[in-house]
Amino acid sequence: AGAQAQVEDWQSNVSSCVPANAYTLNAGQVIIAGGYVRAPLGPNPP
């Protein structure tokens, strides 16, 4: 229980967050080395 104490701030790479729909899951490009997501060229849904 003591080991669960976190640092003072909370943060998350967006790439580790949950895609909200099938379009996001399929269209979003996860850049593993950089730990981010990249949108396709538009116009497309967000």
ModelCIF file with pLDDT and N, C-alpha, C, O atoms, coordinates in Angstrom:
data_MODEL
#
_entry.id   MODEL 
#
_entity.id                         1 
_entity.type                       polymer 
_entity.pdbx_number_of_molecules   1 
#
_entity_poly.entity_id                      1 
_entity_poly.type                           'polypeptide(L)' 
_entity_poly.nstd_linkage                   no 
_entity_poly.nstd_monomer                   no 
_entity_poly.pdbx_seq_one_letter_code       AGAQAQVEDWQSNVSSCVPANAYTLNAGQVIIAGGYVRAPLGPNPP 
_entity_poly.pdbx_seq_one_letter_code_can   AGAQAQVEDWQSNVSSCVPANAYTLNAGQVIIAGGYVRAPLGPNPP 
_entity_poly.pdbx_strand_id                 A 
#
loop_
_entity_poly_seq.entity_id 
_entity_poly_seq.num 
_entity_poly_seq.mon_id 
_entity_poly_seq.hetero 
1 1  ALA n 
1 2  GLY n 
1 3  ALA n 
1 4  GLN n 
1 5  ALA n 
1 6  GLN n 
1 7  VAL n 
1 8  GLU n 
1 9  ASP n 
1 10 TRP n 
1 11 GLN n 
1 12 SER n 
1 13 ASN n 
1 14 VAL n 
1 15 SER n 
1 16 SER n 
1 17 CYS n 
1 18 VAL n 
1 19 PRO n 
1 20 ALA n 
1 21 ASN n 
1 22 ALA n 
1 23 TYR n 
1 24 THR n 
1 25 LEU n 
1 26 ASN n 
1 27 ALA n 
1 28 GLY n 
1 29 GLN n 
1 30 VAL n 
1 31 ILE n 
1 32 ILE n 
1 33 ALA n 
1 34 GLY n 
1 35 GLY n 
1 36 TYR n 
1 37 VAL n 
1 38 ARG n 
1 39 ALA n 
1 40 PRO n 
1 41 LEU n 
1 42 GLY n 
1 43 PRO n 
1 44 ASN n 
1 45 PRO n 
1 46 PRO n 
#
_struct_asym.id          A 
_struct_asym.entity_id   1 
#
loop_
_ma_qa_metric.id 
_ma_qa_metric.mode 
_ma_qa_metric.name 
_ma_qa_metric.software_group_id 
_ma_qa_metric.type 
1 global pLDDT . pLDDT 
2 local  pLDDT . pLDDT 
#
_ma_qa_metric_global.metric_id      1 
_ma_qa_metric_global.metric_value   86.04 
_ma_qa_metric_global.model_id       1 
_ma_qa_metric_global.ordinal_id     1 
#
loop_
_ma_qa_metric_local.label_asym_id 
_ma_qa_metric_local.label_comp_id 
_ma_qa_metric_local.label_seq_id 
_ma_qa_metric_local.metric_id 
_ma_qa_metric_local.metric_value 
_ma_qa_metric_local.model_id 
_ma_qa_metric_local.ordinal_id 
A ALA 1  2 42.00 1 1  
A GLY 2  2 41.00 1 2  
A ALA 3  2 39.00 1 3  
A GLN 4  2 42.00 1 4  
A ALA 5  2 44.00 1 5  
A GLN 6  2 43.00 1 6  
A VAL 7  2 46.00 1 7  
A GLU 8  2 76.00 1 8  
A ASP 9  2 85.00 1 9  
A TRP 10 2 89.00 1 10 
A GLN 11 2 91.00 1 11 
A SER 12 2 93.00 1 12 
A ASN 13 2 94.00 1 13 
A VAL 14 2 96.00 1 14 
A SER 15 2 95.00 1 15 
A SER 16 2 93.00 1 16 
A CYS 17 2 96.00 1 17 
A VAL 18 2 96.00 1 18 
A PRO 19 2 97.00 1 19 
A ALA 20 2 96.00 1 20 
A ASN 21 2 96.00 1 21 
A ALA 22 2 97.00 1 22 
A TYR 23 2 96.00 1 23 
A THR 24 2 96.00 1 24 
A LEU 25 2 95.00 1 25 
A ASN 26 2 96.00 1 26 
A ALA 27 2 96.00 1 27 
A GLY 28 2 96.00 1 28 
A GLN 29 2 96.00 1 29 
A VAL 30 2 95.00 1 30 
A ILE 31 2 94.00 1 31 
A ILE 32 2 91.00 1 32 
A ALA 33 2 90.00 1 33 
A GLY 34 2 89.00 1 34 
A GLY 35 2 91.00 1 35 
A TYR 36 2 96.00 1 36 
A VAL 37 2 97.00 1 37 
A ARG 38 2 97.00 1 38 
A ALA 39 2 97.00 1 39 
A PRO 40 2 97.00 1 40 
A LEU 41 2 96.00 1 41 
A GLY 42 2 89.00 1 42 
A PRO 43 2 93.00 1 43 
A ASN 44 2 95.00 1 44 
A PRO 45 2 96.00 1 45 
A PRO 46 2 97.00 1 46 
#
loop_
_atom_site.group_PDB 
_atom_site.id 
_atom_site.type_symbol 
_atom_site.label_atom_id 
_atom_site.label_alt_id 
_atom_site.label_comp_id 
_atom_site.label_asym_id 
_atom_site.label_entity_id 
_atom_site.label_seq_id 
_atom_site.pdbx_PDB_ins_code 
_atom_site.Cartn_x 
_atom_site.Cartn_y 
_atom_site.Cartn_z 
_atom_site.occupancy 
_atom_site.B_iso_or_equiv 
_atom_site.pdbx_formal_charge 
_atom_site.auth_seq_id 
_atom_site.auth_comp_id 
_atom_site.auth_asym_id 
_atom_site.auth_atom_id 
_atom_site.pdbx_PDB_model_num 
ATOM 1   N N  . ALA A 1 1  ? 0.846   -1.199 0.000   1.00 42.00 ? 1  ALA A N  1 
ATOM 2   C CA . ALA A 1 1  ? 0.000   0.000  0.000   1.00 42.00 ? 1  ALA A CA 1 
ATOM 3   C C  . ALA A 1 1  ? 0.877   1.243  0.000   1.00 42.00 ? 1  ALA A C  1 
ATOM 4   O O  . ALA A 1 1  ? 0.571   2.218  -0.687  1.00 42.00 ? 1  ALA A O  1 
ATOM 5   N N  . GLY A 1 2  ? 1.972   1.218  0.769   1.00 41.00 ? 2  GLY A N  1 
ATOM 6   C CA . GLY A 1 2  ? 2.887   2.349  0.784   1.00 41.00 ? 2  GLY A CA 1 
ATOM 7   C C  . GLY A 1 2  ? 3.602   2.495  -0.544  1.00 41.00 ? 2  GLY A C  1 
ATOM 8   O O  . GLY A 1 2  ? 3.917   3.613  -0.953  1.00 41.00 ? 2  GLY A O  1 
ATOM 9   N N  . ALA A 1 3  ? 3.864   1.398  -1.224  1.00 39.00 ? 3  ALA A N  1 
ATOM 10  C CA . ALA A 1 3  ? 4.565   1.437  -2.501  1.00 39.00 ? 3  ALA A CA 1 
ATOM 11  C C  . ALA A 1 3  ? 3.707   2.052  -3.597  1.00 39.00 ? 3  ALA A C  1 
ATOM 12  O O  . ALA A 1 3  ? 4.235   2.457  -4.633  1.00 39.00 ? 3  ALA A O  1 
ATOM 13  N N  . GLN A 1 4  ? 2.395   2.130  -3.390  1.00 42.00 ? 4  GLN A N  1 
ATOM 14  C CA . GLN A 1 4  ? 1.517   2.693  -4.407  1.00 42.00 ? 4  GLN A CA 1 
ATOM 15  C C  . GLN A 1 4  ? 1.565   4.213  -4.448  1.00 42.00 ? 4  GLN A C  1 
ATOM 16  O O  . GLN A 1 4  ? 1.053   4.820  -5.389  1.00 42.00 ? 4  GLN A O  1 
ATOM 17  N N  . ALA A 1 5  ? 2.165   4.832  -3.454  1.00 44.00 ? 5  ALA A N  1 
ATOM 18  C CA . ALA A 1 5  ? 2.215   6.285  -3.439  1.00 44.00 ? 5  ALA A CA 1 
ATOM 19  C C  . ALA A 1 5  ? 2.893   6.770  -4.722  1.00 44.00 ? 5  ALA A C  1 
ATOM 20  O O  . ALA A 1 5  ? 3.975   6.310  -5.086  1.00 44.00 ? 5  ALA A O  1 
ATOM 21  N N  . GLN A 1 6  ? 2.243   7.691  -5.382  1.00 43.00 ? 6  GLN A N  1 
ATOM 22  C CA . GLN A 1 6  ? 2.756   8.188  -6.649  1.00 43.00 ? 6  GLN A CA 1 
ATOM 23  C C  . GLN A 1 6  ? 3.513   9.491  -6.442  1.00 43.00 ? 6  GLN A C  1 
ATOM 24  O O  . GLN A 1 6  ? 3.500   10.072 -5.357  1.00 43.00 ? 6  GLN A O  1 
ATOM 25  N N  . VAL A 1 7  ? 4.161   9.931  -7.490  1.00 46.00 ? 7  VAL A N  1 
ATOM 26  C CA . VAL A 1 7  ? 4.813   11.223 -7.466  1.00 46.00 ? 7  VAL A CA 1 
ATOM 27  C C  . VAL A 1 7  ? 3.752   12.303 -7.342  1.00 46.00 ? 7  VAL A C  1 
ATOM 28  O O  . VAL A 1 7  ? 2.559   12.014 -7.441  1.00 46.00 ? 7  VAL A O  1 
ATOM 29  N N  . GLU A 1 8  ? 4.162   13.511 -7.134  1.00 76.00 ? 8  GLU A N  1 
ATOM 30  C CA . GLU A 1 8  ? 3.225   14.586 -6.854  1.00 76.00 ? 8  GLU A CA 1 
ATOM 31  C C  . GLU A 1 8  ? 2.308   14.895 -8.025  1.00 76.00 ? 8  GLU A C  1 
ATOM 32  O O  . GLU A 1 8  ? 1.172   15.315 -7.805  1.00 76.00 ? 8  GLU A O  1 
ATOM 33  N N  . ASP A 1 9  ? 2.752   14.704 -9.252  1.00 85.00 ? 9  ASP A N  1 
ATOM 34  C CA . ASP A 1 9  ? 1.934   14.977 -10.426 1.00 85.00 ? 9  ASP A CA 1 
ATOM 35  C C  . ASP A 1 9  ? 1.470   13.668 -11.052 1.00 85.00 ? 9  ASP A C  1 
ATOM 36  O O  . ASP A 1 9  ? 2.104   12.628 -10.871 1.00 85.00 ? 9  ASP A O  1 
ATOM 37  N N  . TRP A 1 10 ? 0.368   13.720 -11.785 1.00 89.00 ? 10 TRP A N  1 
ATOM 38  C CA . TRP A 1 10 ? -0.121  12.569 -12.544 1.00 89.00 ? 10 TRP A CA 1 
ATOM 39  C C  . TRP A 1 10 ? 0.037   12.916 -14.014 1.00 89.00 ? 10 TRP A C  1 
ATOM 40  O O  . TRP A 1 10 ? -0.224  14.050 -14.418 1.00 89.00 ? 10 TRP A O  1 
ATOM 41  N N  . GLN A 1 11 ? 0.465   11.943 -14.822 1.00 91.00 ? 11 GLN A N  1 
ATOM 42  C CA . GLN A 1 11 ? 0.556   12.189 -16.260 1.00 91.00 ? 11 GLN A CA 1 
ATOM 43  C C  . GLN A 1 11 ? 0.349   10.904 -17.041 1.00 91.00 ? 11 GLN A C  1 
ATOM 44  O O  . GLN A 1 11 ? 0.566   9.801  -16.537 1.00 91.00 ? 11 GLN A O  1 
ATOM 45  N N  . SER A 1 12 ? -0.074  11.077 -18.279 1.00 93.00 ? 12 SER A N  1 
ATOM 46  C CA . SER A 1 12 ? -0.294  9.928  -19.149 1.00 93.00 ? 12 SER A CA 1 
ATOM 47  C C  . SER A 1 12 ? 0.020   10.322 -20.579 1.00 93.00 ? 12 SER A C  1 
ATOM 48  O O  . SER A 1 12 ? -0.361  11.398 -21.039 1.00 93.00 ? 12 SER A O  1 
ATOM 49  N N  . ASN A 1 13 ? 0.722   9.432  -21.280 1.00 94.00 ? 13 ASN A N  1 
ATOM 50  C CA . ASN A 1 13 ? 0.863   9.606  -22.721 1.00 94.00 ? 13 ASN A CA 1 
ATOM 51  C C  . ASN A 1 13 ? -0.510  9.353  -23.325 1.00 94.00 ? 13 ASN A C  1 
ATOM 52  O O  . ASN A 1 13 ? -1.196  8.413  -22.924 1.00 94.00 ? 13 ASN A O  1 
ATOM 53  N N  . VAL A 1 14 ? -0.915  10.169 -24.271 1.00 96.00 ? 14 VAL A N  1 
ATOM 54  C CA . VAL A 1 14 ? -2.216  9.970  -24.908 1.00 96.00 ? 14 VAL A CA 1 
ATOM 55  C C  . VAL A 1 14 ? -2.270  8.610  -25.595 1.00 96.00 ? 14 VAL A C  1 
ATOM 56  O O  . VAL A 1 14 ? -3.341  8.014  -25.711 1.00 96.00 ? 14 VAL A O  1 
ATOM 57  N N  . SER A 1 15 ? -1.129  8.122  -26.047 1.00 95.00 ? 15 SER A N  1 
ATOM 58  C CA . SER A 1 15 ? -1.101  6.815  -26.706 1.00 95.00 ? 15 SER A CA 1 
ATOM 59  C C  . SER A 1 15 ? -1.494  5.678  -25.767 1.00 95.00 ? 15 SER A C  1 
ATOM 60  O O  . SER A 1 15 ? -1.852  4.599  -26.239 1.00 95.00 ? 15 SER A O  1 
ATOM 61  N N  . SER A 1 16 ? -1.438  5.886  -24.461 1.00 93.00 ? 16 SER A N  1 
ATOM 62  C CA . SER A 1 16 ? -1.844  4.843  -23.513 1.00 93.00 ? 16 SER A CA 1 
ATOM 63  C C  . SER A 1 16 ? -3.282  5.025  -23.040 1.00 93.00 ? 16 SER A C  1 
ATOM 64  O O  . SER A 1 16 ? -3.763  4.240  -22.222 1.00 93.00 ? 16 SER A O  1 
ATOM 65  N N  . CYS A 1 17 ? -3.967  6.033  -23.534 1.00 96.00 ? 17 CYS A N  1 
ATOM 66  C CA . CYS A 1 17 ? -5.365  6.259  -23.189 1.00 96.00 ? 17 CYS A CA 1 
ATOM 67  C C  . CYS A 1 17 ? -6.266  5.389  -24.077 1.00 96.00 ? 17 CYS A C  1 
ATOM 68  O O  . CYS A 1 17 ? -5.798  4.793  -25.047 1.00 96.00 ? 17 CYS A O  1 
ATOM 69  N N  . VAL A 1 18 ? -7.537  5.322  -23.746 1.00 96.00 ? 18 VAL A N  1 
ATOM 70  C CA . VAL A 1 18 ? -8.462  4.426  -24.433 1.00 96.00 ? 18 VAL A CA 1 
ATOM 71  C C  . VAL A 1 18 ? -9.129  5.141  -25.611 1.00 96.00 ? 18 VAL A C  1 
ATOM 72  O O  . VAL A 1 18 ? -9.734  6.197  -25.422 1.00 96.00 ? 18 VAL A O  1 
ATOM 73  N N  . PRO A 1 19 ? -9.030  4.584  -26.823 1.00 97.00 ? 19 PRO A N  1 
ATOM 74  C CA . PRO A 1 19 ? -9.747  5.160  -27.967 1.00 97.00 ? 19 PRO A CA 1 
ATOM 75  C C  . PRO A 1 19 ? -11.256 5.095  -27.697 1.00 97.00 ? 19 PRO A C  1 
ATOM 76  O O  . PRO A 1 19 ? -11.766 4.069  -27.247 1.00 97.00 ? 19 PRO A O  1 
ATOM 77  N N  . ALA A 1 20 ? -11.960 6.192  -27.974 1.00 96.00 ? 20 ALA A N  1 
ATOM 78  C CA . ALA A 1 20 ? -13.379 6.275  -27.621 1.00 96.00 ? 20 ALA A CA 1 
ATOM 79  C C  . ALA A 1 20 ? -14.308 5.595  -28.614 1.00 96.00 ? 20 ALA A C  1 
ATOM 80  O O  . ALA A 1 20 ? -15.465 5.328  -28.290 1.00 96.00 ? 20 ALA A O  1 
ATOM 81  N N  . ASN A 1 21 ? -13.822 5.310  -29.815 1.00 96.00 ? 21 ASN A N  1 
ATOM 82  C CA . ASN A 1 21 ? -14.686 4.687  -30.823 1.00 96.00 ? 21 ASN A CA 1 
ATOM 83  C C  . ASN A 1 21 ? -13.826 3.933  -31.839 1.00 96.00 ? 21 ASN A C  1 
ATOM 84  O O  . ASN A 1 21 ? -12.598 4.025  -31.823 1.00 96.00 ? 21 ASN A O  1 
ATOM 85  N N  . ALA A 1 22 ? -14.489 3.191  -32.716 1.00 97.00 ? 22 ALA A N  1 
ATOM 86  C CA . ALA A 1 22 ? -13.779 2.372  -33.701 1.00 97.00 ? 22 ALA A CA 1 
ATOM 87  C C  . ALA A 1 22 ? -12.976 3.236  -34.674 1.00 97.00 ? 22 ALA A C  1 
ATOM 88  O O  . ALA A 1 22 ? -11.883 2.849  -35.086 1.00 97.00 ? 22 ALA A O  1 
ATOM 89  N N  . TYR A 1 23 ? -13.511 4.407  -35.045 1.00 96.00 ? 23 TYR A N  1 
ATOM 90  C CA . TYR A 1 23 ? -12.775 5.278  -35.963 1.00 96.00 ? 23 TYR A CA 1 
ATOM 91  C C  . TYR A 1 23 ? -11.435 5.696  -35.342 1.00 96.00 ? 23 TYR A C  1 
ATOM 92  O O  . TYR A 1 23 ? -10.396 5.639  -36.000 1.00 96.00 ? 23 TYR A O  1 
ATOM 93  N N  . THR A 1 24 ? -11.469 6.113  -34.080 1.00 96.00 ? 24 THR A N  1 
ATOM 94  C CA . THR A 1 24 ? -10.238 6.527  -33.402 1.00 96.00 ? 24 THR A CA 1 
ATOM 95  C C  . THR A 1 24 ? -9.251  5.370  -33.328 1.00 96.00 ? 24 THR A C  1 
ATOM 96  O O  . THR A 1 24 ? -8.053  5.552  -33.547 1.00 96.00 ? 24 THR A O  1 
ATOM 97  N N  . LEU A 1 25 ? -9.753  4.191  -33.022 1.00 95.00 ? 25 LEU A N  1 
ATOM 98  C CA . LEU A 1 25 ? -8.898  3.010  -32.926 1.00 95.00 ? 25 LEU A CA 1 
ATOM 99  C C  . LEU A 1 25 ? -8.227  2.705  -34.266 1.00 95.00 ? 25 LEU A C  1 
ATOM 100 O O  . LEU A 1 25 ? -7.044  2.369  -34.306 1.00 95.00 ? 25 LEU A O  1 
ATOM 101 N N  . ASN A 1 26 ? -8.977  2.820  -35.355 1.00 96.00 ? 26 ASN A N  1 
ATOM 102 C CA . ASN A 1 26 ? -8.459  2.470  -36.682 1.00 96.00 ? 26 ASN A CA 1 
ATOM 103 C C  . ASN A 1 26 ? -7.663  3.593  -37.346 1.00 96.00 ? 26 ASN A C  1 
ATOM 104 O O  . ASN A 1 26 ? -6.680  3.321  -38.037 1.00 96.00 ? 26 ASN A O  1 
ATOM 105 N N  . ALA A 1 27 ? -8.069  4.848  -37.150 1.00 96.00 ? 27 ALA A N  1 
ATOM 106 C CA . ALA A 1 27 ? -7.455  5.957  -37.884 1.00 96.00 ? 27 ALA A CA 1 
ATOM 107 C C  . ALA A 1 27 ? -6.265  6.579  -37.159 1.00 96.00 ? 27 ALA A C  1 
ATOM 108 O O  . ALA A 1 27 ? -5.359  7.112  -37.800 1.00 96.00 ? 27 ALA A O  1 
ATOM 109 N N  . GLY A 1 28 ? -6.259  6.515  -35.830 1.00 96.00 ? 28 GLY A N  1 
ATOM 110 C CA . GLY A 1 28 ? -5.168  7.125  -35.082 1.00 96.00 ? 28 GLY A CA 1 
ATOM 111 C C  . GLY A 1 28 ? -3.898  6.313  -35.217 1.00 96.00 ? 28 GLY A C  1 
ATOM 112 O O  . GLY A 1 28 ? -3.911  5.091  -35.064 1.00 96.00 ? 28 GLY A O  1 
ATOM 113 N N  . GLN A 1 29 ? -2.807  6.989  -35.503 1.00 96.00 ? 29 GLN A N  1 
ATOM 114 C CA . GLN A 1 29 ? -1.521  6.311  -35.625 1.00 96.00 ? 29 GLN A CA 1 
ATOM 115 C C  . GLN A 1 29 ? -0.769  6.499  -34.307 1.00 96.00 ? 29 GLN A C  1 
ATOM 116 O O  . GLN A 1 29 ? -0.492  7.627  -33.899 1.00 96.00 ? 29 GLN A O  1 
ATOM 117 N N  . VAL A 1 30 ? -0.443  5.399  -33.653 1.00 95.00 ? 30 VAL A N  1 
ATOM 118 C CA . VAL A 1 30 ? 0.320   5.449  -32.407 1.00 95.00 ? 30 VAL A CA 1 
ATOM 119 C C  . VAL A 1 30 ? 1.804   5.382  -32.745 1.00 95.00 ? 30 VAL A C  1 
ATOM 120 O O  . VAL A 1 30 ? 2.270   4.423  -33.361 1.00 95.00 ? 30 VAL A O  1 
ATOM 121 N N  . ILE A 1 31 ? 2.531   6.402  -32.337 1.00 94.00 ? 31 ILE A N  1 
ATOM 122 C CA . ILE A 1 31 ? 3.979   6.453  -32.551 1.00 94.00 ? 31 ILE A CA 1 
ATOM 123 C C  . ILE A 1 31 ? 4.625   5.959  -31.257 1.00 94.00 ? 31 ILE A C  1 
ATOM 124 O O  . ILE A 1 31 ? 4.785   6.714  -30.298 1.00 94.00 ? 31 ILE A O  1 
ATOM 125 N N  . ILE A 1 32 ? 4.986   4.697  -31.250 1.00 91.00 ? 32 ILE A N  1 
ATOM 126 C CA . ILE A 1 32 ? 5.461   4.048  -30.032 1.00 91.00 ? 32 ILE A CA 1 
ATOM 127 C C  . ILE A 1 32 ? 6.742   4.694  -29.515 1.00 91.00 ? 32 ILE A C  1 
ATOM 128 O O  . ILE A 1 32 ? 6.862   4.954  -28.318 1.00 91.00 ? 32 ILE A O  1 
ATOM 129 N N  . ALA A 1 33 ? 7.687   4.951  -30.391 1.00 90.00 ? 33 ALA A N  1 
ATOM 130 C CA . ALA A 1 33 ? 8.970   5.514  -29.958 1.00 90.00 ? 33 ALA A CA 1 
ATOM 131 C C  . ALA A 1 33 ? 8.795   6.879  -29.304 1.00 90.00 ? 33 ALA A C  1 
ATOM 132 O O  . ALA A 1 33 ? 9.514   7.206  -28.360 1.00 90.00 ? 33 ALA A O  1 
ATOM 133 N N  . GLY A 1 34 ? 7.861   7.672  -29.785 1.00 89.00 ? 34 GLY A N  1 
ATOM 134 C CA . GLY A 1 34 ? 7.641   8.997  -29.222 1.00 89.00 ? 34 GLY A CA 1 
ATOM 135 C C  . GLY A 1 34 ? 6.550   9.039  -28.173 1.00 89.00 ? 34 GLY A C  1 
ATOM 136 O O  . GLY A 1 34 ? 6.421   10.034 -27.461 1.00 89.00 ? 34 GLY A O  1 
ATOM 137 N N  . GLY A 1 35 ? 5.761   7.978  -28.060 1.00 91.00 ? 35 GLY A N  1 
ATOM 138 C CA . GLY A 1 35 ? 4.701   7.931  -27.064 1.00 91.00 ? 35 GLY A CA 1 
ATOM 139 C C  . GLY A 1 35 ? 3.577   8.910  -27.333 1.00 91.00 ? 35 GLY A C  1 
ATOM 140 O O  . GLY A 1 35 ? 3.049   9.520  -26.403 1.00 91.00 ? 35 GLY A O  1 
ATOM 141 N N  . TYR A 1 36 ? 3.203   9.069  -28.601 1.00 96.00 ? 36 TYR A N  1 
ATOM 142 C CA . TYR A 1 36 ? 2.106   9.986  -28.917 1.00 96.00 ? 36 TYR A CA 1 
ATOM 143 C C  . TYR A 1 36 ? 1.230   9.403  -30.008 1.00 96.00 ? 36 TYR A C  1 
ATOM 144 O O  . TYR A 1 36 ? 1.555   8.381  -30.612 1.00 96.00 ? 36 TYR A O  1 
ATOM 145 N N  . VAL A 1 37 ? 0.106   10.078 -30.250 1.00 97.00 ? 37 VAL A N  1 
ATOM 146 C CA . VAL A 1 37 ? -0.792  9.671  -31.339 1.00 97.00 ? 37 VAL A CA 1 
ATOM 147 C C  . VAL A 1 37 ? -0.802  10.770 -32.384 1.00 97.00 ? 37 VAL A C  1 
ATOM 148 O O  . VAL A 1 37 ? -0.609  11.949 -32.089 1.00 97.00 ? 37 VAL A O  1 
ATOM 149 N N  . ARG A 1 38 ? -1.035  10.341 -33.617 1.00 97.00 ? 38 ARG A N  1 
ATOM 150 C CA . ARG A 1 38 ? -1.044  11.282 -34.737 1.00 97.00 ? 38 ARG A CA 1 
ATOM 151 C C  . ARG A 1 38 ? -2.304  11.058 -35.543 1.00 97.00 ? 38 ARG A C  1 
ATOM 152 O O  . ARG A 1 38 ? -2.660  9.921  -35.856 1.00 97.00 ? 38 ARG A O  1 
ATOM 153 N N  . ALA A 1 39 ? -2.977  12.141 -35.877 1.00 97.00 ? 39 ALA A N  1 
ATOM 154 C CA . ALA A 1 39 ? -4.215  12.081 -36.657 1.00 97.00 ? 39 ALA A CA 1 
ATOM 155 C C  . ALA A 1 39 ? -3.892  11.957 -38.145 1.00 97.00 ? 39 ALA A C  1 
ATOM 156 O O  . ALA A 1 39 ? -2.842  12.416 -38.595 1.00 97.00 ? 39 ALA A O  1 
ATOM 157 N N  . PRO A 1 40 ? -4.788  11.341 -38.901 1.00 97.00 ? 40 PRO A N  1 
ATOM 158 C CA . PRO A 1 40 ? -4.590  11.304 -40.355 1.00 97.00 ? 40 PRO A CA 1 
ATOM 159 C C  . PRO A 1 40 ? -4.844  12.694 -40.936 1.00 97.00 ? 40 PRO A C  1 
ATOM 160 O O  . PRO A 1 40 ? -5.398  13.568 -40.269 1.00 97.00 ? 40 PRO A O  1 
ATOM 161 N N  . LEU A 1 41 ? -4.432  12.881 -42.186 1.00 96.00 ? 41 LEU A N  1 
ATOM 162 C CA . LEU A 1 41 ? -4.752  14.148 -42.849 1.00 96.00 ? 41 LEU A CA 1 
ATOM 163 C C  . LEU A 1 41 ? -6.251  14.240 -43.035 1.00 96.00 ? 41 LEU A C  1 
ATOM 164 O O  . LEU A 1 41 ? -6.909  13.231 -43.289 1.00 96.00 ? 41 LEU A O  1 
ATOM 165 N N  . GLY A 1 42 ? -6.805  15.452 -42.909 1.00 89.00 ? 42 GLY A N  1 
ATOM 166 C CA . GLY A 1 42 ? -8.261  15.628 -42.966 1.00 89.00 ? 42 GLY A CA 1 
ATOM 167 C C  . GLY A 1 42 ? -8.717  16.053 -44.329 1.00 89.00 ? 42 GLY A C  1 
ATOM 168 O O  . GLY A 1 42 ? -7.913  16.140 -45.257 1.00 89.00 ? 42 GLY A O  1 
ATOM 169 N N  . PRO A 1 43 ? -9.993  16.319 -44.468 1.00 93.00 ? 43 PRO A N  1 
ATOM 170 C CA . PRO A 1 43 ? -10.969 16.390 -43.379 1.00 93.00 ? 43 PRO A CA 1 
ATOM 171 C C  . PRO A 1 43 ? -11.468 14.997 -42.976 1.00 93.00 ? 43 PRO A C  1 
ATOM 172 O O  . PRO A 1 43 ? -11.848 14.190 -43.824 1.00 93.00 ? 43 PRO A O  1 
ATOM 173 N N  . ASN A 1 44 ? -11.458 14.744 -41.702 1.00 95.00 ? 44 ASN A N  1 
ATOM 174 C CA . ASN A 1 44 ? -11.934 13.500 -41.110 1.00 95.00 ? 44 ASN A CA 1 
ATOM 175 C C  . ASN A 1 44 ? -12.537 13.837 -39.750 1.00 95.00 ? 44 ASN A C  1 
ATOM 176 O O  . ASN A 1 44 ? -12.321 14.933 -39.232 1.00 95.00 ? 44 ASN A O  1 
ATOM 177 N N  . PRO A 1 45 ? -13.284 12.915 -39.174 1.00 96.00 ? 45 PRO A N  1 
ATOM 178 C CA . PRO A 1 45 ? -13.759 13.149 -37.808 1.00 96.00 ? 45 PRO A CA 1 
ATOM 179 C C  . PRO A 1 45 ? -12.567 13.235 -36.849 1.00 96.00 ? 45 PRO A C  1 
ATOM 180 O O  . PRO A 1 45 ? -11.497 12.705 -37.150 1.00 96.00 ? 45 PRO A O  1 
ATOM 181 N N  . PRO A 1 46 ? -12.738 13.887 -35.717 1.00 97.00 ? 46 PRO A N  1 
ATOM 182 C CA . PRO A 1 46 ? -11.642 13.952 -34.754 1.00 97.00 ? 46 PRO A CA 1 
ATOM 183 C C  . PRO A 1 46 ? -11.381 12.595 -34.101 1.00 97.00 ? 46 PRO A C  1 
ATOM 184 O O  . PRO A 1 46 ? -10.488 12.474 -33.263 1.00 97.00 ? 46 PRO A O  1 
#
